[in-house]
Amino acid sequence: MKLATVEHDRAERTALVLDQGERLLLLDRAHRLVTGEHAPALTTMQTIIDGGEPVRQTLERLAAQAPPEAVVAASELRWLSPLPWPVQIRDFGSFMDHFRNARSRIQGIPADQVELPAIMLERPLYYVTNRLSVTGHDSDIHWPAYSSVRDYELEFACVLGRDGTDIPAADAPSYIFGYTIFNDFSARDTQLEEIATGLGLSKSKDFTDSNVLGPWIVTADELGDPYRLTMTARINGEEVSRGTSADMHHTFADMIAFASQSTRLHAGEVLCSGTVPTGCGLEHGRYLEPGDTVELEVSDLGVLRNRVVS
């Protein structure tokens, strides 16, 4: 299943994606038409995730019947982040060649001469980003006035479907509800200043709508193997990079196991892959300008599109 959150008739609604996003089934309306009752468990994506198997069975029944009166065209709605209020967002660094390419640019040496700290290879390290600064597909990104180097980052993410602590890597896939695309917009000039302090990332990653998820969540059973996906970035329709999730050094199972050590993870948390090699302007020297439209495509997950404005 592909599940989205949209704004329709000035209200936030959950929806089942049909025809690759051309049409959507509004779940609350479909449930009333089929059963005559309101369904609180279908109100938000979080309640759908929390509802577990019973809600999943309800979704399958609604998908099978799909009353036409509950189906709307994508042109009649506004896309929101599929999880408008994520419980948490952790952004990992799982693609080692991304770091080699980036450090090659910054240090002015060939990528094959870059030596990464051993800890990066041993552990799926991450930072916690602003879960309250989230937007979705087709929204405009208003760039902060303090930055003039505008960059995108091509990532994808898993969404957790249940809670757990000290989760073994072997069990971790069963904790994944689904997957979505993630664009980690980055103020690169500010980022370089912040890195130099040794204190970690701050305003380079924390501005209005800097975290983009979407266009929908593909459930784990529908996606299947997440380590076979082609990941492509385009600027104004021109392809600028292409990579594959097969190059992940750390898997989502590794991330879940590591992050859950002595910490409780919760259903509705988002764990991001990090940037696929060549999947950002820093790596190939092409940054975004006001008015540019960036499209991130991940096979079987869709296309996430946003326009950058001043």
Protein backbone atom coordinates (compact mmCIF):
# COMPACT_ATOMS: atom_id res chain seq x y z
CA MET A 1 0.00 0.00 0.00
CA LYS A 2 0.94 3.62 -0.57
CA LEU A 3 -0.38 5.93 2.15
CA ALA A 4 -0.40 9.71 2.09
CA THR A 5 -1.47 12.69 4.15
CA VAL A 6 -3.11 15.48 2.17
CA GLU A 7 -5.08 18.67 2.65
CA HIS A 8 -8.54 18.44 1.08
CA ASP A 9 -11.45 20.81 1.70
CA ARG A 10 -9.20 22.69 4.15
CA ALA A 11 -8.78 19.61 6.34
CA GLU A 12 -5.88 17.22 6.90
CA ARG A 13 -6.81 13.74 5.72
CA THR A 14 -5.15 10.38 5.25
CA ALA A 15 -5.44 8.71 1.87
CA LEU A 16 -4.63 5.57 -0.06
CA VAL A 17 -2.66 6.39 -3.21
CA LEU A 18 -4.10 5.10 -6.50
CA ASP A 19 -2.68 5.19 -10.04
CA GLN A 20 0.80 6.31 -8.93
CA GLY A 21 -0.61 9.40 -7.28
CA GLU A 22 -3.02 10.55 -9.98
CA ARG A 23 -5.97 9.72 -7.73
CA LEU A 24 -6.37 9.13 -4.00
CA LEU A 25 -8.92 7.37 -1.83
CA LEU A 26 -9.81 9.53 1.18
CA LEU A 27 -9.87 7.03 4.01
CA ASP A 28 -12.29 8.70 6.40
CA ARG A 29 -14.84 9.27 3.63
CA ALA A 30 -14.40 5.75 2.28
CA HIS A 31 -14.94 4.25 5.74
CA ARG A 32 -18.18 6.20 6.27
CA LEU A 33 -19.48 5.16 2.86
CA VAL A 34 -18.66 1.49 3.45
CA THR A 35 -19.65 1.16 7.12
CA GLY A 36 -21.70 4.24 7.97
CA GLU A 37 -19.33 4.93 10.86
CA HIS A 38 -16.47 7.29 11.64
CA ALA A 39 -13.05 5.64 12.05
CA PRO A 40 -10.83 7.47 14.59
CA ALA A 41 -7.97 5.05 13.82
CA LEU A 42 -7.80 6.45 10.27
CA THR A 43 -7.65 10.11 11.32
CA THR A 44 -3.86 10.54 11.05
CA MET A 45 -0.91 8.56 9.78
CA GLN A 46 0.24 8.12 13.35
CA THR A 47 -3.05 6.51 14.39
CA ILE A 48 -2.84 4.24 11.35
CA ILE A 49 0.66 3.16 12.38
CA ASP A 50 -0.34 2.73 16.01
CA GLY A 51 -3.39 0.69 15.02
CA GLY A 52 -1.31 -2.25 13.85
CA GLU A 53 -2.84 -5.26 12.16
CA PRO A 54 -6.53 -4.41 12.82
CA VAL A 55 -6.14 -1.10 11.00
CA ARG A 56 -4.20 -2.83 8.25
CA GLN A 57 -7.13 -5.17 7.69
CA THR A 58 -9.49 -2.19 7.56
CA LEU A 59 -7.30 -0.53 4.93
CA GLU A 60 -7.32 -3.67 2.81
CA ARG A 61 -11.12 -3.81 2.92
CA LEU A 62 -11.41 -0.15 1.93
CA ALA A 63 -8.88 -0.61 -0.88
CA ALA A 64 -10.85 -3.57 -2.23
CA GLN A 65 -14.14 -1.63 -2.29
CA ALA A 66 -12.81 1.88 -3.02
CA PRO A 67 -16.16 3.67 -3.28
CA PRO A 68 -15.94 6.14 -6.19
CA GLU A 69 -17.44 8.94 -4.07
CA ALA A 70 -14.33 8.81 -1.87
CA VAL A 71 -11.85 9.05 -4.75
CA VAL A 72 -10.40 12.47 -5.61
CA ALA A 73 -7.93 13.69 -8.22
CA ALA A 74 -4.49 14.81 -7.07
CA SER A 75 -5.21 18.21 -8.61
CA GLU A 76 -7.92 18.75 -5.97
CA LEU A 77 -5.61 18.50 -2.97
CA ARG A 78 -2.33 19.67 -1.44
CA TRP A 79 0.31 17.15 -0.50
CA LEU A 80 1.55 17.22 3.09
CA SER A 81 4.34 15.25 4.67
CA PRO A 82 2.96 11.71 5.00
CA LEU A 83 3.89 12.07 8.68
CA PRO A 84 3.13 15.74 9.44
CA TRP A 85 4.30 15.35 13.06
CA PRO A 86 6.98 12.65 13.19
CA VAL A 87 7.69 11.31 16.66
CA GLN A 88 11.41 11.73 15.93
CA ILE A 89 13.76 12.09 12.95
CA ARG A 90 17.24 10.60 13.05
CA ASP A 91 19.46 11.14 10.01
CA PHE A 92 22.20 8.52 9.62
CA GLY A 93 25.33 8.35 7.52
CA SER A 94 25.11 5.01 5.77
CA PHE A 95 26.73 5.79 2.39
CA MET A 96 30.49 6.05 2.87
CA ASP A 97 31.25 7.30 -0.65
CA HIS A 98 29.07 10.34 -0.01
CA PHE A 99 31.42 11.37 2.77
CA ARG A 100 34.48 10.60 0.65
CA ASN A 101 33.14 12.72 -2.22
CA ALA A 102 32.20 15.59 0.08
CA ARG A 103 35.53 15.62 1.90
CA SER A 104 37.32 15.40 -1.43
CA ARG A 105 35.66 18.66 -2.49
CA ILE A 106 36.30 20.38 0.82
CA GLN A 107 39.90 19.19 1.22
CA GLY A 108 40.85 19.43 -2.46
CA ILE A 109 42.16 15.87 -2.72
CA PRO A 110 41.03 12.84 -4.75
CA ALA A 111 38.15 10.91 -3.20
CA ASP A 112 40.18 7.70 -3.08
CA GLN A 113 42.71 9.46 -0.83
CA VAL A 114 40.12 10.47 1.76
CA GLU A 115 40.46 8.51 5.00
CA LEU A 116 37.27 8.29 7.01
CA PRO A 117 37.35 7.84 10.79
CA ALA A 118 37.09 4.16 11.68
CA ILE A 119 34.05 4.84 13.86
CA MET A 120 32.03 5.84 10.78
CA LEU A 121 32.62 2.40 9.29
CA GLU A 122 31.95 0.61 12.56
CA ARG A 123 28.77 2.40 13.69
CA PRO A 124 25.73 3.92 11.91
CA LEU A 125 26.15 7.35 13.46
CA TYR A 126 23.35 9.91 13.25
CA TYR A 127 22.15 13.31 14.33
CA VAL A 128 18.66 14.22 15.54
CA THR A 129 17.03 16.82 13.33
CA ASN A 130 14.05 19.15 13.83
CA ARG A 131 10.93 16.97 13.63
CA LEU A 132 8.74 20.08 13.80
CA SER A 133 10.20 21.54 10.59
CA VAL A 134 8.68 19.14 8.08
CA THR A 135 6.90 19.61 4.77
CA GLY A 136 5.85 17.51 1.81
CA HIS A 137 5.77 17.03 -1.95
CA ASP A 138 5.30 20.07 -4.21
CA SER A 139 5.80 22.62 -1.42
CA ASP A 140 8.03 25.66 -1.86
CA ILE A 141 11.15 25.84 0.31
CA HIS A 142 11.85 29.38 1.52
CA TRP A 143 15.58 29.65 1.94
CA PRO A 144 16.87 31.32 5.13
CA ALA A 145 18.26 34.83 4.74
CA TYR A 146 21.51 33.90 6.54
CA SER A 147 22.57 31.45 3.80
CA SER A 148 23.39 31.77 0.11
CA VAL A 149 24.60 28.22 -0.64
CA ARG A 150 21.48 26.13 -1.19
CA ASP A 151 21.78 22.36 -1.33
CA TYR A 152 19.56 19.29 -1.39
CA GLU A 153 20.36 15.76 -0.25
CA LEU A 154 18.91 12.64 -1.88
CA GLU A 155 17.95 10.16 0.82
CA PHE A 156 15.23 7.72 1.71
CA ALA A 157 13.94 6.67 5.09
CA CYS A 158 12.15 3.98 7.03
CA VAL A 159 9.22 4.68 9.33
CA LEU A 160 8.98 2.56 12.46
CA GLY A 161 5.77 0.65 13.10
CA ARG A 162 6.23 -0.33 16.74
CA ASP A 163 8.20 0.45 19.88
CA GLY A 164 11.30 -1.32 21.10
CA THR A 165 14.49 -1.14 23.15
CA ASP A 166 17.74 -3.03 22.51
CA ILE A 167 16.35 -4.46 19.27
CA PRO A 168 18.54 -7.16 17.71
CA ALA A 169 19.49 -6.46 14.09
CA ALA A 170 17.97 -9.80 13.07
CA ASP A 171 14.57 -8.67 14.40
CA ALA A 172 14.78 -5.05 13.23
CA PRO A 173 13.08 -5.42 9.82
CA SER A 174 9.86 -6.45 11.56
CA TYR A 175 9.78 -3.03 13.25
CA ILE A 176 9.57 -1.16 9.93
CA PHE A 177 6.13 0.10 8.88
CA GLY A 178 7.21 1.51 5.53
CA TYR A 179 9.55 3.71 3.51
CA THR A 180 9.50 7.21 2.06
CA ILE A 181 11.84 9.65 0.28
CA PHE A 182 13.71 12.27 2.32
CA ASN A 183 15.23 15.54 1.12
CA ASP A 184 17.57 16.96 3.75
CA PHE A 185 17.90 20.58 2.57
CA SER A 186 21.19 22.03 3.79
CA ALA A 187 22.61 25.55 4.11
CA ARG A 188 26.16 24.59 3.12
CA ASP A 189 27.92 27.85 3.92
CA THR A 190 26.44 27.79 7.43
CA GLN A 191 27.23 24.08 7.77
CA LEU A 192 30.94 24.59 7.12
CA GLU A 193 31.04 27.29 9.81
CA GLU A 194 29.27 25.03 12.29
CA ILE A 195 31.43 21.99 11.60
CA ALA A 196 34.53 24.04 12.38
CA THR A 197 33.32 24.54 15.96
CA GLY A 198 33.19 20.81 16.72
CA LEU A 199 29.73 21.24 18.25
CA GLY A 200 27.75 19.56 15.48
CA LEU A 201 25.05 20.83 13.14
CA SER A 202 22.69 23.67 14.01
CA LYS A 203 21.02 26.25 11.74
CA SER A 204 22.46 24.66 8.61
CA LYS A 205 19.82 21.95 9.01
CA ASP A 206 17.20 23.75 11.09
CA PHE A 207 15.04 26.21 9.20
CA THR A 208 11.43 26.31 8.07
CA ASP A 209 10.45 23.21 6.07
CA SER A 210 14.07 22.04 5.82
CA ASN A 211 13.04 18.37 6.20
CA VAL A 212 10.93 17.09 3.30
CA LEU A 213 9.24 13.67 3.38
CA GLY A 214 7.05 12.12 0.73
CA PRO A 215 5.26 12.00 -1.45
CA TRP A 216 3.82 9.02 0.46
CA ILE A 217 4.80 6.01 2.57
CA VAL A 218 5.12 2.67 0.81
CA THR A 219 4.44 -0.13 3.27
CA ALA A 220 7.31 -2.53 3.89
CA ASP A 221 5.49 -5.54 2.45
CA GLU A 222 4.82 -3.74 -0.83
CA LEU A 223 8.37 -2.42 -1.26
CA GLY A 224 10.13 -5.70 -0.46
CA ASP A 225 13.93 -5.44 -0.60
CA PRO A 226 14.97 -1.80 0.11
CA TYR A 227 18.57 -2.42 -0.99
CA ARG A 228 17.91 -2.56 -4.73
CA LEU A 229 16.52 0.91 -5.39
CA THR A 230 17.74 3.37 -8.02
CA MET A 231 18.05 6.89 -6.60
CA THR A 232 18.03 9.82 -9.04
CA ALA A 233 18.15 13.61 -8.63
CA ARG A 234 17.05 16.18 -11.20
CA ILE A 235 17.28 19.97 -11.21
CA ASN A 236 14.81 21.73 -13.49
CA GLY A 237 14.26 18.42 -15.29
CA GLU A 238 17.96 17.71 -15.89
CA GLU A 239 19.40 14.60 -14.27
CA VAL A 240 22.37 15.53 -12.08
CA SER A 241 23.02 12.31 -10.18
CA ARG A 242 22.15 8.63 -10.03
CA GLY A 243 22.95 6.11 -7.32
CA THR A 244 21.67 2.98 -5.67
CA SER A 245 20.60 1.92 -2.21
CA ALA A 246 22.74 -1.19 -2.75
CA ASP A 247 25.73 0.97 -1.75
CA MET A 248 24.54 1.40 1.85
CA HIS A 249 27.33 0.41 4.23
CA HIS A 250 24.92 0.34 7.17
CA THR A 251 21.44 -1.14 6.69
CA PHE A 252 18.22 0.03 8.31
CA ALA A 253 18.47 -3.03 10.56
CA ASP A 254 21.90 -1.78 11.68
CA MET A 255 20.44 1.66 12.35
CA ILE A 256 17.52 0.34 14.39
CA ALA A 257 19.75 -1.94 16.44
CA PHE A 258 22.27 0.85 17.12
CA ALA A 259 19.76 3.61 17.88
CA SER A 260 17.73 1.38 20.21
CA GLN A 261 20.68 0.54 22.46
CA SER A 262 19.55 1.57 25.96
CA THR A 263 16.96 3.85 24.29
CA ARG A 264 13.31 3.24 23.49
CA LEU A 265 12.39 3.79 19.85
CA HIS A 266 8.76 4.57 19.12
CA ALA A 267 6.28 3.84 16.35
CA GLY A 268 6.23 6.82 13.99
CA GLU A 269 9.95 7.59 14.23
CA VAL A 270 11.75 8.28 10.96
CA LEU A 271 15.25 6.87 10.34
CA CYS A 272 16.92 8.39 7.29
CA SER A 273 19.56 6.71 5.14
CA GLY A 274 21.94 9.57 4.64
CA THR A 275 22.85 10.88 1.20
CA VAL A 276 23.44 8.48 -1.67
CA PRO A 277 26.83 9.06 -3.40
CA THR A 278 26.67 12.06 -5.81
CA GLY A 279 23.22 12.87 -4.36
CA CYS A 280 23.89 16.48 -3.37
CA GLY A 281 25.37 19.63 -4.87
CA LEU A 282 28.37 19.59 -2.54
CA GLU A 283 29.64 16.42 -4.20
CA HIS A 284 29.51 17.65 -7.79
CA GLY A 285 29.68 21.42 -7.36
CA ARG A 286 26.19 22.38 -8.52
CA TYR A 287 24.08 24.19 -5.97
CA LEU A 288 20.50 25.42 -6.17
CA GLU A 289 19.42 28.89 -7.24
CA PRO A 290 16.17 30.66 -6.34
CA GLY A 291 13.44 29.31 -8.59
CA ASP A 292 15.09 25.93 -9.12
CA THR A 293 12.95 22.81 -8.86
CA VAL A 294 14.62 19.71 -7.45
CA GLU A 295 13.14 16.26 -8.00
CA LEU A 296 14.31 13.24 -6.03
CA GLU A 297 13.21 9.90 -7.45
CA VAL A 298 13.63 6.56 -5.74
CA SER A 299 12.41 3.56 -7.68
CA ASP A 300 9.20 2.09 -6.24
CA LEU A 301 8.91 5.02 -3.81
CA GLY A 302 7.93 7.77 -6.26
CA VAL A 303 9.15 11.29 -6.98
CA LEU A 304 9.55 14.03 -4.37
CA ARG A 305 9.50 17.51 -5.91
CA ASN A 306 10.13 20.94 -4.36
CA ARG A 307 10.92 24.45 -5.59
CA VAL A 308 13.47 26.64 -3.80
CA VAL A 309 12.52 30.28 -3.38
CA SER A 310 14.26 33.20 -1.68
